[in-house]
Amino acid sequence: MGIEWLRPGAFFASILFALLGVLVFWISFLVIDKLTPYDLWREIIEKQNRALALVVAAMCLGISLIVAAAIHGG
């Protein structure tokens, strides 16, 4: 493999896929936030709801794995 990833095409494709993955992650987080009956950010930050924070963290990891698999497999 060597330094094949330093080629400009591979480098910029990696940057593009990383940005695309972050965009898809944030859009899916916002959709899930709108589907819940309360504001996730306020519950976690202001009310210090640790149980909800753990659920949101697990959701974030799940979404990240799905996005990474979709990008890698595509």
PDB file of N, CA and C in Angstrom:
ATOM      1  N   MET A   1       0.834  -1.186   0.000  1.00  0.00           N
ATOM      2  CA  MET A   1       0.000   0.000   0.000  1.00  0.00           C
ATOM      3  C   MET A   1       0.876   1.245   0.000  1.00  0.00           C
ATOM      4  N   GLY A   2       1.845   1.326   0.861  1.00  0.00           N
ATOM      5  CA  GLY A   2       2.784   2.437   0.845  1.00  0.00           C
ATOM      6  C   GLY A   2       2.141   3.780   1.119  1.00  0.00           C
ATOM      7  N   ILE A   3       2.545   4.754   0.318  1.00  0.00           N
ATOM      8  CA  ILE A   3       2.010   6.114   0.489  1.00  0.00           C
ATOM      9  C   ILE A   3       0.986   6.429  -0.602  1.00  0.00           C
ATOM     10  N   GLU A   4       0.254   5.413  -0.982  1.00  0.00           N
ATOM     11  CA  GLU A   4      -0.756   5.570  -2.025  1.00  0.00           C
ATOM     12  C   GLU A   4      -1.838   6.590  -1.646  1.00  0.00           C
ATOM     13  N   TRP A   5      -2.118   6.709  -0.344  1.00  0.00           N
ATOM     14  CA  TRP A   5      -3.164   7.628   0.112  1.00  0.00           C
ATOM     15  C   TRP A   5      -2.756   9.081  -0.045  1.00  0.00           C
ATOM     16  N   LEU A   6      -1.475   9.343  -0.349  1.00  0.00           N
ATOM     17  CA  LEU A   6      -1.021  10.723  -0.528  1.00  0.00           C
ATOM     18  C   LEU A   6      -1.313  11.264  -1.929  1.00  0.00           C
ATOM     19  N   ARG A   7      -1.770  10.408  -2.823  1.00  0.00           N
ATOM     20  CA  ARG A   7      -2.136  10.908  -4.149  1.00  0.00           C
ATOM     21  C   ARG A   7      -3.244  11.943  -4.003  1.00  0.00           C
ATOM     22  N   PRO A   8      -3.213  13.004  -4.780  1.00  0.00           N
ATOM     23  CA  PRO A   8      -4.237  14.051  -4.632  1.00  0.00           C
ATOM     24  C   PRO A   8      -5.665  13.535  -4.781  1.00  0.00           C
ATOM     25  N   GLY A   9      -5.911  12.640  -5.710  1.00  0.00           N
ATOM     26  CA  GLY A   9      -7.263  12.115  -5.900  1.00  0.00           C
ATOM     27  C   GLY A   9      -7.756  11.368  -4.682  1.00  0.00           C
ATOM     28  N   ALA A  10      -6.922  10.495  -4.128  1.00  0.00           N
ATOM     29  CA  ALA A  10      -7.302   9.726  -2.946  1.00  0.00           C
ATOM     30  C   ALA A  10      -7.450  10.631  -1.728  1.00  0.00           C
ATOM     31  N   PHE A  11      -6.570  11.609  -1.606  1.00  0.00           N
ATOM     32  CA  PHE A  11      -6.617  12.521  -0.467  1.00  0.00           C
ATOM     33  C   PHE A  11      -7.906  13.346  -0.476  1.00  0.00           C
ATOM     34  N   PHE A  12      -8.237  13.929  -1.615  1.00  0.00           N
ATOM     35  CA  PHE A  12      -9.434  14.764  -1.692  1.00  0.00           C
ATOM     36  C   PHE A  12     -10.714  13.935  -1.608  1.00  0.00           C
ATOM     37  N   ALA A  13     -10.669  12.705  -2.102  1.00  0.00           N
ATOM     38  CA  ALA A  13     -11.822  11.819  -1.953  1.00  0.00           C
ATOM     39  C   ALA A  13     -12.051  11.485  -0.486  1.00  0.00           C
ATOM     40  N   SER A  14     -10.967  11.277   0.255  1.00  0.00           N
ATOM     41  CA  SER A  14     -11.093  11.007   1.693  1.00  0.00           C
ATOM     42  C   SER A  14     -11.690  12.195   2.426  1.00  0.00           C
ATOM     43  N   ILE A  15     -11.234  13.386   2.091  1.00  0.00           N
ATOM     44  CA  ILE A  15     -11.777  14.597   2.715  1.00  0.00           C
ATOM     45  C   ILE A  15     -13.255  14.757   2.364  1.00  0.00           C
ATOM     46  N   LEU A  16     -13.604  14.523   1.108  1.00  0.00           N
ATOM     47  CA  LEU A  16     -14.991  14.648   0.680  1.00  0.00           C
ATOM     48  C   LEU A  16     -15.893  13.651   1.402  1.00  0.00           C
ATOM     49  N   PHE A  17     -15.449  12.397   1.500  1.00  0.00           N
ATOM     50  CA  PHE A  17     -16.247  11.391   2.185  1.00  0.00           C
ATOM     51  C   PHE A  17     -16.358  11.681   3.673  1.00  0.00           C
ATOM     52  N   ALA A  18     -15.315  12.222   4.284  1.00  0.00           N
ATOM     53  CA  ALA A  18     -15.383  12.581   5.701  1.00  0.00           C
ATOM     54  C   ALA A  18     -16.406  13.686   5.914  1.00  0.00           C
ATOM     55  N   LEU A  19     -16.377  14.702   5.071  1.00  0.00           N
ATOM     56  CA  LEU A  19     -17.347  15.793   5.193  1.00  0.00           C
ATOM     57  C   LEU A  19     -18.758  15.313   4.916  1.00  0.00           C
ATOM     58  N   LEU A  20     -18.914  14.440   3.934  1.00  0.00           N
ATOM     59  CA  LEU A  20     -20.218  13.875   3.636  1.00  0.00           C
ATOM     60  C   LEU A  20     -20.737  13.045   4.806  1.00  0.00           C
ATOM     61  N   GLY A  21     -19.862  12.272   5.427  1.00  0.00           N
ATOM     62  CA  GLY A  21     -20.257  11.482   6.586  1.00  0.00           C
ATOM     63  C   GLY A  21     -20.698  12.339   7.755  1.00  0.00           C
ATOM     64  N   VAL A  22     -19.977  13.424   8.018  1.00  0.00           N
ATOM     65  CA  VAL A  22     -20.351  14.337   9.104  1.00  0.00           C
ATOM     66  C   VAL A  22     -21.687  15.008   8.794  1.00  0.00           C
ATOM     67  N   LEU A  23     -21.889  15.384   7.543  1.00  0.00           N
ATOM     68  CA  LEU A  23     -23.158  16.008   7.150  1.00  0.00           C
ATOM     69  C   LEU A  23     -24.334  15.056   7.331  1.00  0.00           C
ATOM     70  N   VAL A  24     -24.177  13.830   6.890  1.00  0.00           N
ATOM     71  CA  VAL A  24     -25.247  12.834   7.049  1.00  0.00           C
ATOM     72  C   VAL A  24     -25.497  12.567   8.527  1.00  0.00           C
ATOM     73  N   PHE A  25     -24.428  12.507   9.322  1.00  0.00           N
ATOM     74  CA  PHE A  25     -24.586  12.288  10.760  1.00  0.00           C
ATOM     75  C   PHE A  25     -25.398  13.408  11.400  1.00  0.00           C
ATOM     76  N   TRP A  26     -25.066  14.662  11.114  1.00  0.00           N
ATOM     77  CA  TRP A  26     -25.770  15.783  11.735  1.00  0.00           C
ATOM     78  C   TRP A  26     -27.217  15.881  11.272  1.00  0.00           C
ATOM     79  N   ILE A  27     -27.454  15.593  10.014  1.00  0.00           N
ATOM     80  CA  ILE A  27     -28.836  15.617   9.522  1.00  0.00           C
ATOM     81  C   ILE A  27     -29.664  14.544  10.220  1.00  0.00           C
ATOM     82  N   SER A  28     -29.095  13.355  10.359  1.00  0.00           N
ATOM     83  CA  SER A  28     -29.839  12.288  11.040  1.00  0.00           C
ATOM     84  C   SER A  28     -30.037  12.611  12.517  1.00  0.00           C
ATOM     85  N   PHE A  29     -29.063  13.244  13.152  1.00  0.00           N
ATOM     86  CA  PHE A  29     -29.235  13.650  14.549  1.00  0.00           C
ATOM     87  C   PHE A  29     -30.345  14.681  14.684  1.00  0.00           C
ATOM     88  N   LEU A  30     -30.390  15.635  13.775  1.00  0.00           N
ATOM     89  CA  LEU A  30     -31.440  16.657  13.830  1.00  0.00           C
ATOM     90  C   LEU A  30     -32.819  16.049  13.598  1.00  0.00           C
ATOM     91  N   VAL A  31     -32.906  15.085  12.697  1.00  0.00           N
ATOM     92  CA  VAL A  31     -34.189  14.414  12.456  1.00  0.00           C
ATOM     93  C   VAL A  31     -34.642  13.677  13.708  1.00  0.00           C
ATOM     94  N   ILE A  32     -33.727  12.960  14.336  1.00  0.00           N
ATOM     95  CA  ILE A  32     -34.081  12.233  15.566  1.00  0.00           C
ATOM     96  C   ILE A  32     -34.441  13.210  16.675  1.00  0.00           C
ATOM     97  N   ASP A  33     -33.748  14.335  16.740  1.00  0.00           N
ATOM     98  CA  ASP A  33     -34.058  15.350  17.752  1.00  0.00           C
ATOM     99  C   ASP A  33     -35.463  15.903  17.543  1.00  0.00           C
ATOM    100  N   LYS A  34     -35.865  16.097  16.286  1.00  0.00           N
ATOM    101  CA  LYS A  34     -37.212  16.604  16.003  1.00  0.00           C
ATOM    102  C   LYS A  34     -38.285  15.559  16.271  1.00  0.00           C
ATOM    103  N   LEU A  35     -37.953  14.280  16.128  1.00  0.00           N
ATOM    104  CA  LEU A  35     -38.935  13.215  16.348  1.00  0.00           C
ATOM    105  C   LEU A  35     -39.210  12.957  17.831  1.00  0.00           C
ATOM    106  N   THR A  36     -38.271  13.321  18.698  1.00  0.00           N
ATOM    107  CA  THR A  36     -38.485  13.109  20.131  1.00  0.00           C
ATOM    108  C   THR A  36     -39.385  14.213  20.683  1.00  0.00           C
ATOM    109  N   PRO A  37     -40.137  13.910  21.736  1.00  0.00           N
ATOM    110  CA  PRO A  37     -41.095  14.899  22.255  1.00  0.00           C
ATOM    111  C   PRO A  37     -40.447  16.044  23.048  1.00  0.00           C
ATOM    112  N   TYR A  38     -39.163  16.012  23.261  1.00  0.00           N
ATOM    113  CA  TYR A  38     -38.494  17.073  24.019  1.00  0.00           C
ATOM    114  C   TYR A  38     -37.178  17.417  23.345  1.00  0.00           C
ATOM    115  N   ASP A  39     -36.566  18.525  23.766  1.00  0.00           N
ATOM    116  CA  ASP A  39     -35.314  18.991  23.186  1.00  0.00           C
ATOM    117  C   ASP A  39     -34.156  18.208  23.806  1.00  0.00           C
ATOM    118  N   LEU A  40     -33.495  17.382  23.004  1.00  0.00           N
ATOM    119  CA  LEU A  40     -32.408  16.548  23.524  1.00  0.00           C
ATOM    120  C   LEU A  40     -31.278  17.382  24.109  1.00  0.00           C
ATOM    121  N   TRP A  41     -30.901  18.443  23.415  1.00  0.00           N
ATOM    122  CA  TRP A  41     -29.769  19.251  23.862  1.00  0.00           C
ATOM    123  C   TRP A  41     -30.045  19.888  25.228  1.00  0.00           C
ATOM    124  N   ARG A  42     -31.239  20.437  25.416  1.00  0.00           N
ATOM    125  CA  ARG A  42     -31.574  21.065  26.695  1.00  0.00           C
ATOM    126  C   ARG A  42     -31.628  20.028  27.815  1.00  0.00           C
ATOM    127  N   GLU A  43     -32.188  18.865  27.520  1.00  0.00           N
ATOM    128  CA  GLU A  43     -32.265  17.800  28.528  1.00  0.00           C
ATOM    129  C   GLU A  43     -30.871  17.362  28.977  1.00  0.00           C
ATOM    130  N   ILE A  44     -29.965  17.247  28.027  1.00  0.00           N
ATOM    131  CA  ILE A  44     -28.622  16.753  28.363  1.00  0.00           C
ATOM    132  C   ILE A  44     -27.779  17.836  29.015  1.00  0.00           C
ATOM    133  N   ILE A  45     -27.773  19.030  28.454  1.00  0.00           N
ATOM    134  CA  ILE A  45     -26.875  20.090  28.936  1.00  0.00           C
ATOM    135  C   ILE A  45     -27.428  20.793  30.166  1.00  0.00           C
ATOM    136  N   GLU A  46     -28.659  21.269  30.094  1.00  0.00           N
ATOM    137  CA  GLU A  46     -29.190  22.075  31.195  1.00  0.00           C
ATOM    138  C   GLU A  46     -29.690  21.226  32.359  1.00  0.00           C
ATOM    139  N   LYS A  47     -30.387  20.136  32.057  1.00  0.00           N
ATOM    140  CA  LYS A  47     -30.963  19.316  33.120  1.00  0.00           C
ATOM    141  C   LYS A  47     -30.048  18.177  33.563  1.00  0.00           C
ATOM    142  N   GLN A  48     -28.895  18.043  32.896  1.00  0.00           N
ATOM    143  CA  GLN A  48     -27.886  17.027  33.250  1.00  0.00           C
ATOM    144  C   GLN A  48     -28.467  15.613  33.280  1.00  0.00           C
ATOM    145  N   ASN A  49     -29.273  15.278  32.300  1.00  0.00           N
ATOM    146  CA  ASN A  49     -29.895  13.966  32.216  1.00  0.00           C
ATOM    147  C   ASN A  49     -28.874  12.972  31.659  1.00  0.00           C
ATOM    148  N   ARG A  50     -28.192  12.256  32.552  1.00  0.00           N
ATOM    149  CA  ARG A  50     -27.110  11.356  32.141  1.00  0.00           C
ATOM    150  C   ARG A  50     -27.625  10.120  31.425  1.00  0.00           C
ATOM    151  N   ALA A  51     -28.789   9.641  31.802  1.00  0.00           N
ATOM    152  CA  ALA A  51     -29.341   8.467  31.130  1.00  0.00           C
ATOM    153  C   ALA A  51     -29.648   8.795  29.662  1.00  0.00           C
ATOM    154  N   LEU A  52     -30.225   9.955  29.415  1.00  0.00           N
ATOM    155  CA  LEU A  52     -30.501  10.366  28.051  1.00  0.00           C
ATOM    156  C   LEU A  52     -29.206  10.607  27.291  1.00  0.00           C
ATOM    157  N   ALA A  53     -28.211  11.143  27.954  1.00  0.00           N
ATOM    158  CA  ALA A  53     -26.917  11.358  27.311  1.00  0.00           C
ATOM    159  C   ALA A  53     -26.298  10.035  26.866  1.00  0.00           C
ATOM    160  N   LEU A  54     -26.452   9.003  27.671  1.00  0.00           N
ATOM    161  CA  LEU A  54     -25.934   7.693  27.306  1.00  0.00           C
ATOM    162  C   LEU A  54     -26.692   7.119  26.109  1.00  0.00           C
ATOM    163  N   VAL A  55     -27.990   7.289  26.079  1.00  0.00           N
ATOM    164  CA  VAL A  55     -28.787   6.812  24.947  1.00  0.00           C
ATOM    165  C   VAL A  55     -28.409   7.569  23.672  1.00  0.00           C
ATOM    166  N   VAL A  56     -28.231   8.881  23.774  1.00  0.00           N
ATOM    167  CA  VAL A  56     -27.850   9.690  22.613  1.00  0.00           C
ATOM    168  C   VAL A  56     -26.441   9.313  22.147  1.00  0.00           C
ATOM    169  N   ALA A  57     -25.542   9.018  23.074  1.00  0.00           N
ATOM    170  CA  ALA A  57     -24.191   8.592  22.701  1.00  0.00           C
ATOM    171  C   ALA A  57     -24.232   7.270  21.943  1.00  0.00           C
ATOM    172  N   ALA A  58     -25.044   6.339  22.402  1.00  0.00           N
ATOM    173  CA  ALA A  58     -25.184   5.063  21.696  1.00  0.00           C
ATOM    174  C   ALA A  58     -25.796   5.275  20.308  1.00  0.00           C
ATOM    175  N   MET A  59     -26.763   6.179  20.221  1.00  0.00           N
ATOM    176  CA  MET A  59     -27.375   6.494  18.935  1.00  0.00           C
ATOM    177  C   MET A  59     -26.335   7.108  17.989  1.00  0.00           C
ATOM    178  N   CYS A  60     -25.502   7.988  18.506  1.00  0.00           N
ATOM    179  CA  CYS A  60     -24.460   8.611  17.686  1.00  0.00           C
ATOM    180  C   CYS A  60     -23.470   7.576  17.165  1.00  0.00           C
ATOM    181  N   LEU A  61     -23.082   6.649  18.013  1.00  0.00           N
ATOM    182  CA  LEU A  61     -22.172   5.587  17.568  1.00  0.00           C
ATOM    183  C   LEU A  61     -22.827   4.723  16.500  1.00  0.00           C
ATOM    184  N   GLY A  62     -24.097   4.401  16.674  1.00  0.00           N
ATOM    185  CA  GLY A  62     -24.805   3.605  15.684  1.00  0.00           C
ATOM    186  C   GLY A  62     -24.905   4.307  14.342  1.00  0.00           C
ATOM    187  N   ILE A  63     -25.265   5.576  14.366  1.00  0.00           N
ATOM    188  CA  ILE A  63     -25.359   6.347  13.121  1.00  0.00           C
ATOM    189  C   ILE A  63     -23.985   6.450  12.463  1.00  0.00           C
ATOM    190  N   SER A  64     -22.957   6.664  13.263  1.00  0.00           N
ATOM    191  CA  SER A  64     -21.606   6.778  12.717  1.00  0.00           C
ATOM    192  C   SER A  64     -21.162   5.481  12.056  1.00  0.00           C
ATOM    193  N   LEU A  65     -21.482   4.344  12.669  1.00  0.00           N
ATOM    194  CA  LEU A  65     -21.123   3.055  12.067  1.00  0.00           C
ATOM    195  C   LEU A  65     -21.869   2.828  10.759  1.00  0.00           C
ATOM    196  N   ILE A  66     -23.135   3.200  10.724  1.00  0.00           N
ATOM    197  CA  ILE A  66     -23.911   3.043   9.496  1.00  0.00           C
ATOM    198  C   ILE A  66     -23.349   3.926   8.380  1.00  0.00           C
ATOM    199  N   VAL A  67     -23.036   5.169   8.692  1.00  0.00           N
ATOM    200  CA  VAL A  67     -22.484   6.083   7.688  1.00  0.00           C
ATOM    201  C   VAL A  67     -21.128   5.582   7.207  1.00  0.00           C
ATOM    202  N   ALA A  68     -20.285   5.137   8.136  1.00  0.00           N
ATOM    203  CA  ALA A  68     -18.953   4.640   7.748  1.00  0.00           C
ATOM    204  C   ALA A  68     -19.061   3.402   6.872  1.00  0.00           C
ATOM    205  N   ALA A  69     -19.972   2.498   7.202  1.00  0.00           N
ATOM    206  CA  ALA A  69     -20.151   1.292   6.392  1.00  0.00           C
ATOM    207  C   ALA A  69     -20.696   1.644   5.013  1.00  0.00           C
ATOM    208  N   ALA A  70     -21.597   2.606   4.945  1.00  0.00           N
ATOM    209  CA  ALA A  70     -22.151   3.011   3.657  1.00  0.00           C
ATOM    210  C   ALA A  70     -21.089   3.653   2.776  1.00  0.00           C
ATOM    211  N   ILE A  71     -20.230   4.472   3.361  1.00  0.00           N
ATOM    212  CA  ILE A  71     -19.185   5.124   2.595  1.00  0.00           C
ATOM    213  C   ILE A  71     -18.111   4.120   2.176  1.00  0.00           C
ATOM    214  N   HIS A  72     -17.723   3.253   3.074  1.00  0.00           N
ATOM    215  CA  HIS A  72     -16.675   2.270   2.775  1.00  0.00           C
ATOM    216  C   HIS A  72     -17.144   1.246   1.771  1.00  0.00           C
ATOM    217  N   GLY A  73     -18.404   0.831   1.895  1.00  0.00           N
ATOM    218  CA  GLY A  73     -18.944  -0.171   0.991  1.00  0.00           C
ATOM    219  C   GLY A  73     -19.285   0.381  -0.378  1.00  0.00           C
ATOM    220  N   GLY A  74     -19.494   1.693  -0.447  1.00  0.00           N
ATOM    221  CA  GLY A  74     -19.897   2.305  -1.717  1.00  0.00           C
ATOM    222  C   GLY A  74     -18.747   2.594  -2.547  1.00  0.00           C
TER     223      GLY A  74
END
